[in-house]
């Protein structure tokens, strides 16, 4: 089965529709599937729900889709660094489902494993727990969280072979691996595609069985916060 496509638009052809749920990898500005997000913006689909740790910044990542009002709901754990995300949430234009980071990652992992729900202590006694089923186990209270089953997963990896085996680079592994597993279809953008069989099996972070389509492209290397020491005067 062909997995390598020539462009982000080609790789997303036939997969996008209004109102869909998309799981996206990335953390801050690291590991963001920027080329696929730009192609989603260019497609014009709307009323999207995104499950992602955050939304990048105003002009990068999911932030570009917030600017065009193509996203109506975020399932996230962090709002900071994106002024438009914060503005839309506070004004009531954007629905936001808050998740602790570990809970969000586990919801994605659970969806990828076919697990409809799990109980966790995280969030008990806070607004996170409102409206959720509570149960006691061994004298401790837990809340029920549901697995995320996305219509589409979009992720960023460092290397892939032609069958879709993936290697993530350093912290870009973050949410990309669990996000990739929870989509009905997974589309990946990578910096390099290598011949099948050339990757060390022990170095593969995600097997190709989860990956349906791949593109290769050039990516920005943004730094979210740059702090430098003041130069000492002579």
Protein backbone atom coordinates (compact mmCIF):
# COMPACT_ATOMS: atom_id res chain seq x y z
CA UNK A 1 0.00 0.00 0.00
CA UNK A 2 1.37 3.40 -0.97
CA UNK A 3 2.01 5.59 2.06
CA UNK A 4 4.30 8.34 0.74
CA UNK A 5 2.57 11.39 -0.77
CA UNK A 6 4.01 14.41 -2.53
CA UNK A 7 2.46 17.18 -0.44
CA UNK A 8 0.38 17.83 2.66
CA UNK A 9 -2.64 18.64 0.51
CA UNK A 10 -2.33 15.35 -1.35
CA UNK A 11 -1.94 13.39 1.88
CA UNK A 12 -5.12 14.93 3.32
CA UNK A 13 -7.15 14.52 0.15
CA UNK A 14 -10.47 12.83 0.91
CA UNK A 15 -9.94 12.84 4.66
CA UNK A 16 -11.24 16.25 5.72
CA UNK A 17 -14.81 17.21 6.52
CA UNK A 18 -16.59 19.86 8.56
CA UNK A 19 -17.16 19.05 12.23
CA UNK A 20 -14.49 16.38 12.55
CA UNK A 21 -12.30 15.61 15.58
CA UNK A 22 -8.57 15.83 14.91
CA UNK A 23 -5.83 14.69 17.29
CA UNK A 24 -2.63 16.68 16.80
CA UNK A 25 0.83 16.09 18.22
CA UNK A 26 3.12 18.77 19.58
CA UNK A 27 4.02 20.47 22.83
CA UNK A 28 4.61 24.20 22.88
CA UNK A 29 6.34 24.80 19.55
CA UNK A 30 8.07 21.42 19.51
CA UNK A 31 6.89 18.58 17.28
CA UNK A 32 4.03 20.50 15.66
CA UNK A 33 2.71 19.09 12.35
CA UNK A 34 2.89 22.56 10.80
CA UNK A 35 2.64 21.55 7.12
CA UNK A 36 -0.50 19.51 7.68
CA UNK A 37 -2.07 22.30 9.73
CA UNK A 38 -1.42 24.79 6.92
CA UNK A 39 -3.04 22.38 4.45
CA UNK A 40 -6.08 22.03 6.72
CA UNK A 41 -6.34 25.82 6.80
CA UNK A 42 -6.11 26.03 3.02
CA UNK A 43 -8.83 23.36 2.62
CA UNK A 44 -11.42 25.62 4.27
CA UNK A 45 -12.96 22.93 6.52
CA UNK A 46 -14.66 24.39 9.59
CA UNK A 47 -16.30 23.59 12.93
CA UNK A 48 -13.28 21.50 13.86
CA UNK A 49 -12.49 20.03 17.26
CA UNK A 50 -8.80 19.59 18.07
CA UNK A 51 -7.36 17.37 20.78
CA UNK A 52 -3.90 18.80 21.39
CA UNK A 53 -1.85 19.85 24.39
CA UNK A 54 -2.00 23.49 23.29
CA UNK A 55 -2.54 25.52 20.14
CA UNK A 56 0.95 26.73 19.31
CA UNK A 57 1.11 30.50 19.01
CA UNK A 58 -0.98 33.00 17.06
CA UNK A 59 0.80 32.51 13.72
CA UNK A 60 2.04 28.94 14.08
CA UNK A 61 0.50 25.55 14.73
CA UNK A 62 -3.22 25.30 15.47
CA UNK A 63 -3.09 29.04 16.06
CA UNK A 64 -3.38 29.63 12.30
CA UNK A 65 -6.74 27.81 12.35
CA UNK A 66 -7.94 29.83 15.33
CA UNK A 67 -7.23 33.00 13.38
CA UNK A 68 -9.44 31.82 10.52
CA UNK A 69 -12.19 30.66 12.95
CA UNK A 70 -12.06 27.09 11.62
CA UNK A 71 -11.85 25.62 15.15
CA UNK A 72 -14.88 25.63 17.44
CA UNK A 73 -13.56 23.43 20.27
CA UNK A 74 -10.20 22.61 21.83
CA UNK A 75 -9.48 19.61 24.08
CA UNK A 76 -6.29 20.89 25.70
CA UNK A 77 -4.28 21.30 28.86
CA UNK A 78 -2.61 24.67 28.25
CA UNK A 79 -3.86 28.02 26.94
CA UNK A 80 -0.80 30.22 27.51
CA UNK A 81 1.47 31.65 24.77
CA UNK A 82 -1.44 32.03 22.34
CA UNK A 83 -3.23 35.36 22.71
CA UNK A 84 -5.97 34.52 20.20
CA UNK A 85 -6.67 31.19 21.90
CA UNK A 86 -7.08 33.00 25.23
CA UNK A 87 -9.18 35.78 23.71
CA UNK A 88 -11.61 33.40 21.99
CA UNK A 89 -11.98 31.27 25.11
CA UNK A 90 -12.61 34.21 27.45
CA UNK A 91 -15.09 35.78 25.01
CA UNK A 92 -17.06 32.54 24.65
CA UNK A 93 -16.24 32.12 20.96
CA UNK A 94 -14.30 28.89 21.52
CA UNK A 95 -15.35 25.90 23.59
CA UNK A 96 -12.55 24.52 25.74
CA UNK A 97 -12.39 21.14 27.46
CA UNK A 98 -9.56 21.34 29.98
CA UNK A 99 -7.49 18.23 30.67
CA UNK A 100 -4.45 17.75 32.88
CA UNK A 101 -1.54 16.92 30.58
CA UNK A 102 -1.15 13.36 31.79
CA UNK A 103 -4.88 12.77 31.49
CA UNK A 104 -4.92 14.07 27.92
CA UNK A 105 -2.00 11.85 26.93
CA UNK A 106 -3.66 8.85 28.57
CA UNK A 107 -7.00 9.60 26.87
CA UNK A 108 -5.20 9.48 23.51
CA UNK A 109 -3.31 6.33 24.44
CA UNK A 110 -6.53 4.70 25.65
CA UNK A 111 -8.30 5.51 22.39
CA UNK A 112 -5.42 4.00 20.45
CA UNK A 113 -5.66 0.85 22.54
CA UNK A 114 -9.44 0.59 22.11
CA UNK A 115 -10.13 1.43 25.76
CA UNK A 116 -13.34 3.49 26.09
CA UNK A 117 -12.57 4.90 29.54
CA UNK A 118 -10.41 4.73 32.65
CA UNK A 119 -10.47 6.01 36.23
CA UNK A 120 -7.90 8.46 37.57
CA UNK A 121 -7.36 10.45 40.77
CA UNK A 122 -6.11 13.45 38.80
CA UNK A 123 -8.67 16.26 38.96
CA UNK A 124 -10.75 14.92 41.83
CA UNK A 125 -12.21 17.79 43.81
CA UNK A 126 -11.64 20.35 41.04
CA UNK A 127 -13.67 21.72 38.14
CA UNK A 128 -12.11 18.96 36.03
CA UNK A 129 -14.28 16.43 37.89
CA UNK A 130 -17.60 18.21 37.44
CA UNK A 131 -20.20 16.04 35.73
CA UNK A 132 -17.96 12.96 35.62
CA UNK A 133 -18.61 9.59 37.22
CA UNK A 134 -16.92 9.16 40.63
CA UNK A 135 -15.98 5.80 42.11
CA UNK A 136 -14.04 4.73 45.17
CA UNK A 137 -11.27 2.14 44.97
CA UNK A 138 -9.49 1.07 48.14
CA UNK A 139 -10.77 4.11 49.97
CA UNK A 140 -9.67 6.61 47.30
CA UNK A 141 -11.96 8.54 44.95
CA UNK A 142 -11.38 8.42 41.19
CA UNK A 143 -13.11 10.04 38.23
CA UNK A 144 -13.93 8.49 34.87
CA UNK A 145 -12.14 9.87 31.81
CA UNK A 146 -13.06 8.75 28.29
CA UNK A 147 -10.61 7.63 25.64
CA UNK A 148 -10.22 9.89 22.61
CA UNK A 149 -11.21 8.33 19.29
CA UNK A 150 -10.35 10.90 16.63
CA UNK A 151 -11.45 10.98 13.01
CA UNK A 152 -7.94 11.98 11.99
CA UNK A 153 -4.52 12.13 13.64
CA UNK A 154 -1.80 14.48 12.38
CA UNK A 155 1.71 14.17 13.79
CA UNK A 156 5.31 15.24 13.21
CA UNK A 157 8.26 12.83 13.29
CA UNK A 158 11.94 13.09 12.51
CA UNK A 159 12.39 10.03 10.31
CA UNK A 160 10.16 7.47 8.67
CA UNK A 161 10.75 4.55 6.39
CA UNK A 162 8.47 3.91 3.44
CA UNK A 163 6.23 1.59 5.49
CA UNK A 164 5.59 4.26 8.14
CA UNK A 165 7.85 3.19 10.98
CA UNK A 166 8.63 6.40 12.88
CA UNK A 167 11.47 7.86 14.90
CA UNK A 168 10.83 11.04 16.90
CA UNK A 169 13.68 13.36 17.84
CA UNK A 170 14.14 14.20 21.50
CA UNK A 171 11.20 16.10 23.07
CA UNK A 172 9.23 16.07 19.80
CA UNK A 173 8.16 12.61 20.91
CA UNK A 174 5.82 14.33 23.46
CA UNK A 175 2.18 13.95 22.39
CA UNK A 176 2.93 12.74 18.87
CA UNK A 177 3.04 9.02 19.63
CA UNK A 178 -0.26 8.79 21.57
CA UNK A 179 -1.98 11.16 19.13
CA UNK A 180 -0.92 9.00 16.19
CA UNK A 181 -2.55 5.90 17.63
CA UNK A 182 -5.99 7.34 18.41
CA UNK A 183 -7.02 8.46 14.91
CA UNK A 184 -9.00 6.38 12.45
CA UNK A 185 -6.46 7.63 9.91
CA UNK A 186 -2.97 8.89 10.79
CA UNK A 187 -1.06 11.29 8.54
CA UNK A 188 2.57 12.06 9.38
CA UNK A 189 4.98 14.72 8.23
CA UNK A 190 8.70 13.97 8.58
CA UNK A 191 12.04 15.58 7.91
CA UNK A 192 13.49 12.51 6.23
CA UNK A 193 12.20 9.33 4.58
CA UNK A 194 14.65 6.44 4.49
CA UNK A 195 14.48 3.07 2.69
CA UNK A 196 12.51 0.28 4.31
CA UNK A 197 14.74 -1.84 6.51
CA UNK A 198 17.32 0.87 7.19
CA UNK A 199 15.99 1.83 10.63
CA UNK A 200 17.24 -0.06 13.66
CA UNK A 201 14.17 -1.94 14.94
CA UNK A 202 15.11 -1.09 18.53
CA UNK A 203 15.11 2.64 17.69
CA UNK A 204 11.58 2.78 16.23
CA UNK A 205 9.24 4.74 18.48
CA UNK A 206 6.00 4.02 16.61
CA UNK A 207 5.44 1.06 14.27
CA UNK A 208 4.12 1.67 10.77
CA UNK A 209 0.89 -0.21 11.44
CA UNK A 210 -0.47 3.04 12.91
CA UNK A 211 0.59 5.21 9.97
CA UNK A 212 -1.48 5.54 6.79
CA UNK A 213 0.07 8.47 4.91
CA UNK A 214 3.46 10.24 5.01
CA UNK A 215 4.88 13.45 3.60
CA UNK A 216 8.39 14.86 3.71
CA UNK A 217 9.03 18.57 4.02
CA UNK A 218 11.09 21.43 5.38
CA UNK A 219 10.17 22.61 8.86
CA UNK A 220 10.76 25.67 10.98
CA UNK A 221 12.93 25.34 14.09
CA UNK A 222 11.23 27.84 16.36
CA UNK A 223 12.23 28.63 19.93
CA UNK A 224 9.26 29.35 22.18
CA UNK A 225 11.02 31.47 24.77
CA UNK A 226 14.53 32.82 24.24
CA UNK A 227 16.33 34.10 27.32
CA UNK A 228 19.81 35.50 27.04
CA UNK A 229 22.24 36.98 29.53
CA UNK A 230 22.76 40.73 29.30
CA UNK A 231 26.12 41.57 27.79
CA UNK A 232 28.47 42.98 30.37
CA UNK A 233 29.73 46.49 29.68
CA UNK A 234 33.47 47.01 29.43
